[in-house]
Structures are given as C-alpha cells and as structure tokens.
Amino acid sequence: MDLQETGTTALGPAVATSIAMAAEGAAGSQVVICTDGLANIGLGAFEEANTDAEKAKVAEFYERIGEYAKNKGVTINLISIKGDDCNLDTLC
C-alpha cells in the first residue's frame, strides 16, 4: 500500500523494444509490462499530446504496436498500480 509513482515513464520505447525482441522468438512469446504511471516522456507519451490530433496519434501508436504483437503471436500482459493514471483504456 506504500507504492508511489515518481519520475518519468518512457513506456512507448520500452514497449516497442520489448515486443520487437519477443517477436524474434517463437509464437506464444509474452511481454509483461509493469508500469507505475502515465507514459509521459518520449515516443507514445500521453502528457506530450495536447490536441485531439496528437492524442489520436498516441493512441494509434499503441494500437499499431498491439497489432504487430498480435500478428507475431506475442501476448502482452499489463500490470499497473491501482489509482495511478496509466490510461489503461488506450493501452489495452
């Protein structure tokens, strides 16, 4: 109950790299994403998206990553801290 998020979360680059690495393995590979907050820096950053068009591009980035994983047979598991704003609606 004492966990707290601090600092920045470069989720986009980490997810893209992890899924690309898992895609090199056999179908059925898995990526486990454990995040403590909103992706707020770098590629796929929600906090850097200020307009509806920018927010749509960020959502499209995660959609494309998910489709790539699906096509390669990679399962993505997502774990976050309850109460933190990870924008799970977009990530899932």
PDB file of N, CA and C in Angstrom:
ATOM      1  N   MET A   1       0.813  -1.195   0.000  1.00  0.00           N
ATOM      2  CA  MET A   1       0.000   0.000   0.000  1.00  0.00           C
ATOM      3  C   MET A   1       0.858   1.262   0.000  1.00  0.00           C
ATOM      4  N   ASP A   2       2.174   1.127   0.153  1.00  0.00           N
ATOM      5  CA  ASP A   2       3.049   2.290   0.192  1.00  0.00           C
ATOM      6  C   ASP A   2       3.720   2.597  -1.145  1.00  0.00           C
ATOM      7  N   LEU A   3       3.369   1.879  -2.213  1.00  0.00           N
ATOM      8  CA  LEU A   3       3.981   2.144  -3.505  1.00  0.00           C
ATOM      9  C   LEU A   3       3.476   3.464  -4.066  1.00  0.00           C
ATOM     10  N   GLN A   4       4.383   4.248  -4.605  1.00  0.00           N
ATOM     11  CA  GLN A   4       4.034   5.515  -5.222  1.00  0.00           C
ATOM     12  C   GLN A   4       4.845   5.679  -6.495  1.00  0.00           C
ATOM     13  N   GLU A   5       4.224   6.267  -7.505  1.00  0.00           N
ATOM     14  CA  GLU A   5       4.949   6.523  -8.740  1.00  0.00           C
ATOM     15  C   GLU A   5       5.720   7.826  -8.613  1.00  0.00           C
ATOM     16  N   THR A   6       6.922   7.838  -9.191  1.00  0.00           N
ATOM     17  CA  THR A   6       7.742   9.042  -9.206  1.00  0.00           C
ATOM     18  C   THR A   6       8.500   9.088 -10.528  1.00  0.00           C
ATOM     19  N   GLY A   7       8.894  10.267 -10.932  1.00  0.00           N
ATOM     20  CA  GLY A   7       9.721  10.401 -12.131  1.00  0.00           C
ATOM     21  C   GLY A   7       8.939  10.252 -13.411  1.00  0.00           C
ATOM     22  N   THR A   8       9.665   9.919 -14.464  1.00  0.00           N
ATOM     23  CA  THR A   8       9.065   9.813 -15.790  1.00  0.00           C
ATOM     24  C   THR A   8       8.921   8.356 -16.210  1.00  0.00           C
ATOM     25  N   THR A   9       8.018   8.148 -17.156  1.00  0.00           N
ATOM     26  CA  THR A   9       7.765   6.803 -17.670  1.00  0.00           C
ATOM     27  C   THR A   9       7.860   6.839 -19.188  1.00  0.00           C
ATOM     28  N   ALA A  10       8.933   6.293 -19.745  1.00  0.00           N
ATOM     29  CA  ALA A  10       9.134   6.205 -21.192  1.00  0.00           C
ATOM     30  C   ALA A  10       8.577   4.867 -21.671  1.00  0.00           C
ATOM     31  N   LEU A  11       7.278   4.727 -21.556  1.00  0.00           N
ATOM     32  CA  LEU A  11       6.621   3.448 -21.844  1.00  0.00           C
ATOM     33  C   LEU A  11       6.704   3.067 -23.313  1.00  0.00           C
ATOM     34  N   GLY A  12       6.488   4.025 -24.208  1.00  0.00           N
ATOM     35  CA  GLY A  12       6.466   3.723 -25.643  1.00  0.00           C
ATOM     36  C   GLY A  12       7.723   3.039 -26.138  1.00  0.00           C
ATOM     37  N   PRO A  13       8.911   3.622 -25.911  1.00  0.00           N
ATOM     38  CA  PRO A  13      10.136   2.969 -26.361  1.00  0.00           C
ATOM     39  C   PRO A  13      10.356   1.599 -25.716  1.00  0.00           C
ATOM     40  N   ALA A  14      10.017   1.479 -24.450  1.00  0.00           N
ATOM     41  CA  ALA A  14      10.195   0.196 -23.757  1.00  0.00           C
ATOM     42  C   ALA A  14       9.285  -0.874 -24.336  1.00  0.00           C
ATOM     43  N   VAL A  15       8.035  -0.508 -24.603  1.00  0.00           N
ATOM     44  CA  VAL A  15       7.078  -1.465 -25.163  1.00  0.00           C
ATOM     45  C   VAL A  15       7.501  -1.876 -26.569  1.00  0.00           C
ATOM     46  N   ALA A  16       7.864  -0.899 -27.390  1.00  0.00           N
ATOM     47  CA  ALA A  16       8.262  -1.198 -28.769  1.00  0.00           C
ATOM     48  C   ALA A  16       9.476  -2.126 -28.802  1.00  0.00           C
ATOM     49  N   THR A  17      10.468  -1.839 -27.981  1.00  0.00           N
ATOM     50  CA  THR A  17      11.676  -2.666 -27.938  1.00  0.00           C
ATOM     51  C   THR A  17      11.377  -4.070 -27.428  1.00  0.00           C
ATOM     52  N   SER A  18      10.599  -4.162 -26.367  1.00  0.00           N
ATOM     53  CA  SER A  18      10.280  -5.466 -25.768  1.00  0.00           C
ATOM     54  C   SER A  18       9.495  -6.347 -26.727  1.00  0.00           C
ATOM     55  N   ILE A  19       8.523  -5.749 -27.395  1.00  0.00           N
ATOM     56  CA  ILE A  19       7.705  -6.541 -28.323  1.00  0.00           C
ATOM     57  C   ILE A  19       8.525  -6.956 -29.540  1.00  0.00           C
ATOM     58  N   ALA A  20       9.390  -6.074 -30.025  1.00  0.00           N
ATOM     59  CA  ALA A  20      10.256  -6.435 -31.156  1.00  0.00           C
ATOM     60  C   ALA A  20      11.170  -7.595 -30.780  1.00  0.00           C
ATOM     61  N   MET A  21      11.708  -7.556 -29.565  1.00  0.00           N
ATOM     62  CA  MET A  21      12.575  -8.648 -29.112  1.00  0.00           C
ATOM     63  C   MET A  21      11.785  -9.949 -28.974  1.00  0.00           C
ATOM     64  N   ALA A  22      10.601  -9.886 -28.389  1.00  0.00           N
ATOM     65  CA  ALA A  22       9.776 -11.082 -28.212  1.00  0.00           C
ATOM     66  C   ALA A  22       9.324 -11.643 -29.555  1.00  0.00           C
ATOM     67  N   ALA A  23       9.114 -10.767 -30.534  1.00  0.00           N
ATOM     68  CA  ALA A  23       8.662 -11.205 -31.857  1.00  0.00           C
ATOM     69  C   ALA A  23       9.724 -12.025 -32.579  1.00  0.00           C
ATOM     70  N   GLU A  24      10.979 -11.876 -32.163  1.00  0.00           N
ATOM     71  CA  GLU A  24      12.064 -12.661 -32.752  1.00  0.00           C
ATOM     72  C   GLU A  24      12.033 -14.104 -32.255  1.00  0.00           C
ATOM     73  N   GLY A  25      11.334 -14.344 -31.161  1.00  0.00           N
ATOM     74  CA  GLY A  25      11.212 -15.689 -30.611  1.00  0.00           C
ATOM     75  C   GLY A  25      10.054 -16.435 -31.258  1.00  0.00           C
ATOM     76  N   ALA A  26       9.660 -17.495 -30.647  1.00  0.00           N
ATOM     77  CA  ALA A  26       8.572 -18.322 -31.161  1.00  0.00           C
ATOM     78  C   ALA A  26       7.225 -17.681 -30.860  1.00  0.00           C
ATOM     79  N   ALA A  27       6.239 -18.037 -31.695  1.00  0.00           N
ATOM     80  CA  ALA A  27       4.870 -17.601 -31.410  1.00  0.00           C
ATOM     81  C   ALA A  27       4.510 -18.089 -30.011  1.00  0.00           C
ATOM     82  N   GLY A  28       3.797 -17.261 -29.268  1.00  0.00           N
ATOM     83  CA  GLY A  28       3.470 -17.599 -27.892  1.00  0.00           C
ATOM     84  C   GLY A  28       4.365 -16.884 -26.894  1.00  0.00           C
ATOM     85  N   SER A  29       5.342 -16.137 -27.407  1.00  0.00           N
ATOM     86  CA  SER A  29       6.183 -15.340 -26.510  1.00  0.00           C
ATOM     87  C   SER A  29       5.317 -14.297 -25.815  1.00  0.00           C
ATOM     88  N   GLN A  30       5.766 -13.852 -24.655  1.00  0.00           N
ATOM     89  CA  GLN A  30       5.000 -12.892 -23.876  1.00  0.00           C
ATOM     90  C   GLN A  30       5.861 -11.718 -23.444  1.00  0.00           C
ATOM     91  N   VAL A  31       5.203 -10.563 -23.325  1.00  0.00           N
ATOM     92  CA  VAL A  31       5.822  -9.366 -22.760  1.00  0.00           C
ATOM     93  C   VAL A  31       4.963  -8.966 -21.572  1.00  0.00           C
ATOM     94  N   VAL A  32       5.602  -8.731 -20.442  1.00  0.00           N
ATOM     95  CA  VAL A  32       4.902  -8.271 -19.251  1.00  0.00           C
ATOM     96  C   VAL A  32       5.300  -6.825 -19.010  1.00  0.00           C
ATOM     97  N   ILE A  33       4.309  -5.938 -19.065  1.00  0.00           N
ATOM     98  CA  ILE A  33       4.548  -4.515 -18.842  1.00  0.00           C
ATOM     99  C   ILE A  33       4.085  -4.189 -17.427  1.00  0.00           C
ATOM    100  N   CYS A  34       5.005  -3.716 -16.611  1.00  0.00           N
ATOM    101  CA  CYS A  34       4.686  -3.268 -15.256  1.00  0.00           C
ATOM    102  C   CYS A  34       4.951  -1.769 -15.225  1.00  0.00           C
ATOM    103  N   THR A  35       3.906  -0.984 -15.028  1.00  0.00           N
ATOM    104  CA  THR A  35       4.069   0.461 -15.053  1.00  0.00           C
ATOM    105  C   THR A  35       3.451   1.097 -13.820  1.00  0.00           C
ATOM    106  N   ASP A  36       4.075   2.180 -13.389  1.00  0.00           N
ATOM    107  CA  ASP A  36       3.610   2.867 -12.191  1.00  0.00           C
ATOM    108  C   ASP A  36       2.970   4.208 -12.510  1.00  0.00           C
ATOM    109  N   GLY A  37       2.731   4.474 -13.774  1.00  0.00           N
ATOM    110  CA  GLY A  37       2.122   5.754 -14.096  1.00  0.00           C
ATOM    111  C   GLY A  37       1.934   5.963 -15.577  1.00  0.00           C
ATOM    112  N   LEU A  38       1.555   7.154 -15.925  1.00  0.00           N
ATOM    113  CA  LEU A  38       1.257   7.534 -17.286  1.00  0.00           C
ATOM    114  C   LEU A  38       2.534   7.645 -18.113  1.00  0.00           C
ATOM    115  N   ALA A  39       2.480   7.139 -19.353  1.00  0.00           N
ATOM    116  CA  ALA A  39       3.599   7.320 -20.276  1.00  0.00           C
ATOM    117  C   ALA A  39       3.732   8.812 -20.525  1.00  0.00           C
ATOM    118  N   ASN A  40       4.800   9.423 -20.008  1.00  0.00           N
ATOM    119  CA  ASN A  40       4.862  10.876 -20.050  1.00  0.00           C
ATOM    120  C   ASN A  40       6.128  11.457 -20.666  1.00  0.00           C
ATOM    121  N   ILE A  41       6.913  10.607 -21.324  1.00  0.00           N
ATOM    122  CA  ILE A  41       8.108  11.123 -21.988  1.00  0.00           C
ATOM    123  C   ILE A  41       8.422  10.237 -23.193  1.00  0.00           C
ATOM    124  N   GLY A  42       8.894  10.868 -24.265  1.00  0.00           N
ATOM    125  CA  GLY A  42       9.316  10.125 -25.441  1.00  0.00           C
ATOM    126  C   GLY A  42       8.169   9.634 -26.313  1.00  0.00           C
ATOM    127  N   LEU A  43       8.495   8.713 -27.188  1.00  0.00           N
ATOM    128  CA  LEU A  43       7.540   8.115 -28.117  1.00  0.00           C
ATOM    129  C   LEU A  43       6.365   7.525 -27.359  1.00  0.00           C
ATOM    130  N   GLY A  44       5.144   7.856 -27.765  1.00  0.00           N
ATOM    131  CA  GLY A  44       3.960   7.321 -27.104  1.00  0.00           C
ATOM    132  C   GLY A  44       3.594   8.015 -25.813  1.00  0.00           C
ATOM    133  N   ALA A  45       4.118   9.222 -25.589  1.00  0.00           N
ATOM    134  CA  ALA A  45       3.859   9.955 -24.342  1.00  0.00           C
ATOM    135  C   ALA A  45       2.489  10.623 -24.390  1.00  0.00           C
ATOM    136  N   PHE A  46       1.655  10.320 -23.421  1.00  0.00           N
ATOM    137  CA  PHE A  46       0.328  10.924 -23.341  1.00  0.00           C
ATOM    138  C   PHE A  46       0.404  12.384 -22.898  1.00  0.00           C
ATOM    139  N   GLU A  47       1.297  12.699 -21.990  1.00  0.00           N
ATOM    140  CA  GLU A  47       1.381  14.064 -21.465  1.00  0.00           C
ATOM    141  C   GLU A  47       1.879  15.062 -22.496  1.00  0.00           C
ATOM    142  N   GLU A  48       2.592  14.601 -23.509  1.00  0.00           N
ATOM    143  CA  GLU A  48       3.090  15.499 -24.544  1.00  0.00           C
ATOM    144  C   GLU A  48       2.044  15.764 -25.621  1.00  0.00           C
ATOM    145  N   ALA A  49       0.939  15.021 -25.603  1.00  0.00           N
ATOM    146  CA  ALA A  49      -0.133  15.184 -26.584  1.00  0.00           C
ATOM    147  C   ALA A  49      -1.141  16.194 -26.040  1.00  0.00           C
ATOM    148  N   ASN A  50      -1.210  17.366 -26.685  1.00  0.00           N
ATOM    149  CA  ASN A  50      -2.087  18.428 -26.202  1.00  0.00           C
ATOM    150  C   ASN A  50      -3.360  18.594 -27.014  1.00  0.00           C
ATOM    151  N   THR A  51      -3.321  18.279 -28.292  1.00  0.00           N
ATOM    152  CA  THR A  51      -4.503  18.431 -29.142  1.00  0.00           C
ATOM    153  C   THR A  51      -5.155  17.072 -29.365  1.00  0.00           C
ATOM    154  N   ASP A  52      -6.373  17.094 -29.851  1.00  0.00           N
ATOM    155  CA  ASP A  52      -7.064  15.834 -30.148  1.00  0.00           C
ATOM    156  C   ASP A  52      -6.310  15.033 -31.201  1.00  0.00           C
ATOM    157  N   ALA A  53      -5.733  15.732 -32.183  1.00  0.00           N
ATOM    158  CA  ALA A  53      -4.974  15.051 -33.234  1.00  0.00           C
ATOM    159  C   ALA A  53      -3.735  14.367 -32.656  1.00  0.00           C
ATOM    160  N   GLU A  54      -3.042  15.045 -31.744  1.00  0.00           N
ATOM    161  CA  GLU A  54      -1.857  14.454 -31.112  1.00  0.00           C
ATOM    162  C   GLU A  54      -2.243  13.266 -30.240  1.00  0.00           C
ATOM    163  N   LYS A  55      -3.345  13.381 -29.520  1.00  0.00           N
ATOM    164  CA  LYS A  55      -3.822  12.267 -28.688  1.00  0.00           C
ATOM    165  C   LYS A  55      -4.198  11.078 -29.550  1.00  0.00           C
ATOM    166  N   ALA A  56      -4.790  11.342 -30.706  1.00  0.00           N
ATOM    167  CA  ALA A  56      -5.152  10.265 -31.631  1.00  0.00           C
ATOM    168  C   ALA A  56      -3.906   9.560 -32.160  1.00  0.00           C
ATOM    169  N   LYS A  57      -2.831  10.315 -32.406  1.00  0.00           N
ATOM    170  CA  LYS A  57      -1.576   9.711 -32.872  1.00  0.00           C
ATOM    171  C   LYS A  57      -0.964   8.808 -31.813  1.00  0.00           C
ATOM    172  N   VAL A  58      -1.037   9.235 -30.558  1.00  0.00           N
ATOM    173  CA  VAL A  58      -0.513   8.409 -29.470  1.00  0.00           C
ATOM    174  C   VAL A  58      -1.323   7.123 -29.365  1.00  0.00           C
ATOM    175  N   ALA A  59      -2.637   7.247 -29.418  1.00  0.00           N
ATOM    176  CA  ALA A  59      -3.499   6.063 -29.362  1.00  0.00           C
ATOM    177  C   ALA A  59      -3.210   5.137 -30.543  1.00  0.00           C
ATOM    178  N   GLU A  60      -2.995   5.710 -31.716  1.00  0.00           N
ATOM    179  CA  GLU A  60      -2.681   4.910 -32.907  1.00  0.00           C
ATOM    180  C   GLU A  60      -1.357   4.178 -32.740  1.00  0.00           C
ATOM    181  N   PHE A  61      -0.379   4.825 -32.102  1.00  0.00           N
ATOM    182  CA  PHE A  61       0.911   4.186 -31.854  1.00  0.00           C
ATOM    183  C   PHE A  61       0.721   2.888 -31.066  1.00  0.00           C
ATOM    184  N   TYR A  62      -0.031   2.970 -29.965  1.00  0.00           N
ATOM    185  CA  TYR A  62      -0.237   1.773 -29.141  1.00  0.00           C
ATOM    186  C   TYR A  62      -1.104   0.739 -29.859  1.00  0.00           C
ATOM    187  N   GLU A  63      -2.039   1.192 -30.665  1.00  0.00           N
ATOM    188  CA  GLU A  63      -2.861   0.270 -31.462  1.00  0.00           C
ATOM    189  C   GLU A  63      -1.982  -0.495 -32.460  1.00  0.00           C
ATOM    190  N   ARG A  64      -1.089   0.220 -33.115  1.00  0.00           N
ATOM    191  CA  ARG A  64      -0.203  -0.416 -34.096  1.00  0.00           C
ATOM    192  C   ARG A  64       0.762  -1.389 -33.425  1.00  0.00           C
ATOM    193  N   ILE A  65       1.277  -1.018 -32.277  1.00  0.00           N
ATOM    194  CA  ILE A  65       2.162  -1.916 -31.522  1.00  0.00           C
ATOM    195  C   ILE A  65       1.409  -3.191 -31.147  1.00  0.00           C
ATOM    196  N   GLY A  66       0.158  -3.019 -30.684  1.00  0.00           N
ATOM    197  CA  GLY A  66      -0.663  -4.175 -30.324  1.00  0.00           C
ATOM    198  C   GLY A  66      -0.952  -5.074 -31.515  1.00  0.00           C
ATOM    199  N   GLU A  67      -1.231  -4.480 -32.660  1.00  0.00           N
ATOM    200  CA  GLU A  67      -1.484  -5.265 -33.875  1.00  0.00           C
ATOM    201  C   GLU A  67      -0.227  -6.017 -34.311  1.00  0.00           C
ATOM    202  N   TYR A  68       0.922  -5.357 -34.208  1.00  0.00           N
ATOM    203  CA  TYR A  68       2.182  -6.009 -34.546  1.00  0.00           C
ATOM    204  C   TYR A  68       2.404  -7.227 -33.645  1.00  0.00           C
ATOM    205  N   ALA A  69       2.193  -7.033 -32.349  1.00  0.00           N
ATOM    206  CA  ALA A  69       2.359  -8.140 -31.401  1.00  0.00           C
ATOM    207  C   ALA A  69       1.409  -9.283 -31.737  1.00  0.00           C
ATOM    208  N   LYS A  70       0.176  -8.940 -32.008  1.00  0.00           N
ATOM    209  CA  LYS A  70      -0.827  -9.964 -32.349  1.00  0.00           C
ATOM    210  C   LYS A  70      -0.409 -10.744 -33.589  1.00  0.00           C
ATOM    211  N   ASN A  71       0.049 -10.030 -34.622  1.00  0.00           N
ATOM    212  CA  ASN A  71       0.464 -10.690 -35.862  1.00  0.00           C
ATOM    213  C   ASN A  71       1.673 -11.586 -35.672  1.00  0.00           C
ATOM    214  N   LYS A  72       2.509 -11.270 -34.695  1.00  0.00           N
ATOM    215  CA  LYS A  72       3.706 -12.067 -34.410  1.00  0.00           C
ATOM    216  C   LYS A  72       3.452 -13.141 -33.355  1.00  0.00           C
ATOM    217  N   GLY A  73       2.231 -13.202 -32.825  1.00  0.00           N
ATOM    218  CA  GLY A  73       1.906 -14.207 -31.814  1.00  0.00           C
ATOM    219  C   GLY A  73       2.431 -13.873 -30.433  1.00  0.00           C
ATOM    220  N   VAL A  74       2.660 -12.590 -30.165  1.00  0.00           N
ATOM    221  CA  VAL A  74       3.184 -12.150 -28.870  1.00  0.00           C
ATOM    222  C   VAL A  74       2.022 -11.695 -27.989  1.00  0.00           C
ATOM    223  N   THR A  75       1.945 -12.224 -26.793  1.00  0.00           N
ATOM    224  CA  THR A  75       0.934 -11.824 -25.822  1.00  0.00           C
ATOM    225  C   THR A  75       1.509 -10.720 -24.939  1.00  0.00           C
ATOM    226  N   ILE A  76       0.700  -9.685 -24.712  1.00  0.00           N
ATOM    227  CA  ILE A  76       1.115  -8.580 -23.855  1.00  0.00           C
ATOM    228  C   ILE A  76       0.286  -8.619 -22.578  1.00  0.00           C
ATOM    229  N   ASN A  77       0.958  -8.646 -21.437  1.00  0.00           N
ATOM    230  CA  ASN A  77       0.307  -8.582 -20.132  1.00  0.00           C
ATOM    231  C   ASN A  77       0.646  -7.237 -19.515  1.00  0.00           C
ATOM    232  N   LEU A  78      -0.349  -6.571 -18.945  1.00  0.00           N
ATOM    233  CA  LEU A  78      -0.157  -5.228 -18.408  1.00  0.00           C
ATOM    234  C   LEU A  78      -0.518  -5.201 -16.933  1.00  0.00           C
ATOM    235  N   ILE A  79       0.424  -4.722 -16.120  1.00  0.00           N
ATOM    236  CA  ILE A  79       0.218  -4.594 -14.680  1.00  0.00           C
ATOM    237  C   ILE A  79       0.469  -3.136 -14.310  1.00  0.00           C
ATOM    238  N   SER A  80      -0.454  -2.554 -13.542  1.00  0.00           N
ATOM    239  CA  SER A  80      -0.266  -1.167 -13.096  1.00  0.00           C
ATOM    240  C   SER A  80      -0.637  -1.064 -11.626  1.00  0.00           C
ATOM    241  N   ILE A  81      -0.384   0.093 -11.068  1.00  0.00           N
ATOM    242  CA  ILE A  81      -0.735   0.353  -9.677  1.00  0.00           C
ATOM    243  C   ILE A  81      -2.133   0.949  -9.638  1.00  0.00           C
ATOM    244  N   LYS A  82      -2.999   0.349  -8.859  1.00  0.00           N
ATOM    245  CA  LYS A  82      -4.365   0.846  -8.729  1.00  0.00           C
ATOM    246  C   LYS A  82      -4.354   2.300  -8.257  1.00  0.00           C
ATOM    247  N   GLY A  83      -5.146   3.120  -8.938  1.00  0.00           N
ATOM    248  CA  GLY A  83      -5.255   4.520  -8.565  1.00  0.00           C
ATOM    249  C   GLY A  83      -4.349   5.440  -9.350  1.00  0.00           C
ATOM    250  N   ASP A  84      -3.342   4.895 -10.051  1.00  0.00           N
ATOM    251  CA  ASP A  84      -2.469   5.729 -10.880  1.00  0.00           C
ATOM    252  C   ASP A  84      -3.051   5.803 -12.280  1.00  0.00           C
ATOM    253  N   ASP A  85      -2.832   6.917 -12.931  1.00  0.00           N
ATOM    254  CA  ASP A  85      -3.382   7.156 -14.255  1.00  0.00           C
ATOM    255  C   ASP A  85      -2.443   6.614 -15.318  1.00  0.00           C
ATOM    256  N   CYS A  86      -2.677   5.385 -15.742  1.00  0.00           N
ATOM    257  CA  CYS A  86      -1.864   4.772 -16.785  1.00  0.00           C
ATOM    258  C   CYS A  86      -2.527   4.870 -18.149  1.00  0.00           C
ATOM    259  N   ASN A  87      -3.759   5.351 -18.188  1.00  0.00           N
ATOM    260  CA  ASN A  87      -4.555   5.400 -19.413  1.00  0.00           C
ATOM    261  C   ASN A  87      -4.749   3.987 -19.963  1.00  0.00           C
ATOM    262  N   LEU A  88      -5.242   3.113 -19.111  1.00  0.00           N
ATOM    263  CA  LEU A  88      -5.433   1.717 -19.483  1.00  0.00           C
ATOM    264  C   LEU A  88      -6.374   1.548 -20.667  1.00  0.00           C
ATOM    265  N   ASP A  89      -7.333   2.458 -20.831  1.00  0.00           N
ATOM    266  CA  ASP A  89      -8.261   2.347 -21.954  1.00  0.00           C
ATOM    267  C   ASP A  89      -7.511   2.364 -23.280  1.00  0.00           C
ATOM    268  N   THR A  90      -6.486   3.158 -23.387  1.00  0.00           N
ATOM    269  CA  THR A  90      -5.709   3.232 -24.612  1.00  0.00           C
ATOM    270  C   THR A  90      -4.720   2.081 -24.709  1.00  0.00           C
ATOM    271  N   LEU A  91      -4.119   1.695 -23.617  1.00  0.00           N
ATOM    272  CA  LEU A  91      -3.097   0.650 -23.629  1.00  0.00           C
ATOM    273  C   LEU A  91      -3.661  -0.736 -23.846  1.00  0.00           C
ATOM    274  N   CYS A  92      -4.887  -0.970 -23.455  1.00  0.00           N
ATOM    275  CA  CYS A  92      -5.464  -2.318 -23.563  1.00  0.00           C
ATOM    276  C   CYS A  92      -6.083  -2.582 -24.885  1.00  0.00           C
TER     277      CYS A  92
END
